[in-house]
Amino acid sequence: MDTSTTEQQEDERLAGDLLVGADAILNYLIFLGMPADTDVDDVYYLKRTGRWPIGNTAGDFGKLIASKRRLARHAQKIAAG
């Protein structure tokens, strides 16, 4: 089996799961059911609380990043309450 092909497929799958920037994260959260009038500032708030799986690329000054899979799982856990 060609391991380079398998690794490349895994890299592509992970790249498709990654959201970069507050706007991308916000749009995905709205897709998951967050109210459409939610503001980008709310994404930064969710990051600051530490309760949502949202990271940062470079400390306090980088772009926000998140995994679609982890966000969906977290939202589902909240909804199940």
Protein backbone atom coordinates (compact mmCIF):
# COMPACT_ATOMS: atom_id res chain seq x y z
CA MET A 1 0.00 0.00 0.00
CA ASP A 2 1.28 3.44 -0.89
CA THR A 3 1.61 5.30 2.41
CA SER A 4 2.16 8.67 0.71
CA THR A 5 -1.30 8.45 -0.89
CA THR A 6 -2.89 7.52 2.44
CA GLU A 7 -1.12 10.41 4.20
CA GLN A 8 -2.16 12.82 1.45
CA GLN A 9 -5.81 11.74 1.76
CA GLU A 10 -5.65 12.22 5.52
CA ASP A 11 -4.09 15.68 5.08
CA GLU A 12 -6.86 16.68 2.65
CA ARG A 13 -9.55 15.42 5.04
CA LEU A 14 -8.06 17.40 7.92
CA ALA A 15 -7.67 20.52 5.77
CA GLY A 16 -11.37 20.32 4.88
CA ASP A 17 -12.19 20.19 8.59
CA LEU A 18 -10.25 23.33 9.53
CA LEU A 19 -11.94 26.73 9.80
CA VAL A 20 -9.62 29.75 9.77
CA GLY A 21 -10.83 33.19 10.86
CA ALA A 22 -13.74 34.44 12.94
CA ASP A 23 -15.99 34.89 9.89
CA ALA A 24 -15.55 31.26 8.79
CA ILE A 25 -16.22 30.02 12.33
CA LEU A 26 -19.27 32.25 12.66
CA ASN A 27 -20.73 31.04 9.36
CA TYR A 28 -20.28 27.43 10.46
CA LEU A 29 -21.87 28.09 13.86
CA ILE A 30 -24.86 29.67 12.09
CA PHE A 31 -25.00 26.58 9.86
CA LEU A 32 -25.12 24.47 13.04
CA GLY A 33 -28.10 26.45 14.34
CA MET A 34 -26.75 29.51 16.12
CA PRO A 35 -29.05 32.53 15.54
CA ALA A 36 -28.38 34.28 12.22
CA ASP A 37 -28.06 37.67 13.93
CA THR A 38 -24.97 36.48 15.84
CA ASP A 39 -22.04 38.89 15.51
CA VAL A 40 -18.36 38.14 14.82
CA ASP A 41 -17.55 39.61 18.24
CA ASP A 42 -19.52 36.72 19.74
CA VAL A 43 -17.01 34.26 18.26
CA TYR A 44 -14.19 36.09 20.05
CA TYR A 45 -16.26 35.96 23.23
CA LEU A 46 -16.74 32.19 22.83
CA LYS A 47 -12.97 31.85 22.44
CA ARG A 48 -12.26 33.97 25.52
CA THR A 49 -14.60 31.92 27.73
CA GLY A 50 -12.60 28.79 26.94
CA ARG A 51 -15.76 26.68 26.79
CA TRP A 52 -15.78 26.26 23.00
CA PRO A 53 -13.13 24.38 21.01
CA ILE A 54 -11.77 27.50 19.31
CA GLY A 55 -8.05 28.11 19.16
CA ASN A 56 -5.70 30.78 17.95
CA THR A 57 -2.86 30.46 15.44
CA ALA A 58 -0.39 32.68 17.32
CA GLY A 59 -1.22 33.59 20.87
CA ASP A 60 -3.37 36.69 21.27
CA PHE A 61 -2.64 38.17 17.85
CA GLY A 62 -3.21 35.29 15.43
CA LYS A 63 -6.30 34.20 13.56
CA LEU A 64 -8.95 32.11 15.23
CA ILE A 65 -9.05 28.47 14.17
CA ALA A 66 -11.49 25.65 14.84
CA SER A 67 -12.33 22.14 13.71
CA LYS A 68 -15.76 21.66 12.15
CA ARG A 69 -15.99 18.22 13.72
CA ARG A 70 -15.17 19.47 17.22
CA LEU A 71 -17.54 22.46 16.93
CA ALA A 72 -20.37 20.21 15.77
CA ARG A 73 -19.72 17.76 18.60
CA HIS A 74 -19.66 20.57 21.17
CA ALA A 75 -22.89 22.13 19.85
CA GLN A 76 -24.56 18.71 19.90
CA LYS A 77 -23.46 18.18 23.51
CA ILE A 78 -24.91 21.57 24.50
CA ALA A 79 -28.20 20.85 22.71
CA ALA A 80 -28.52 17.48 24.47
CA GLY A 81 -28.01 19.41 27.68
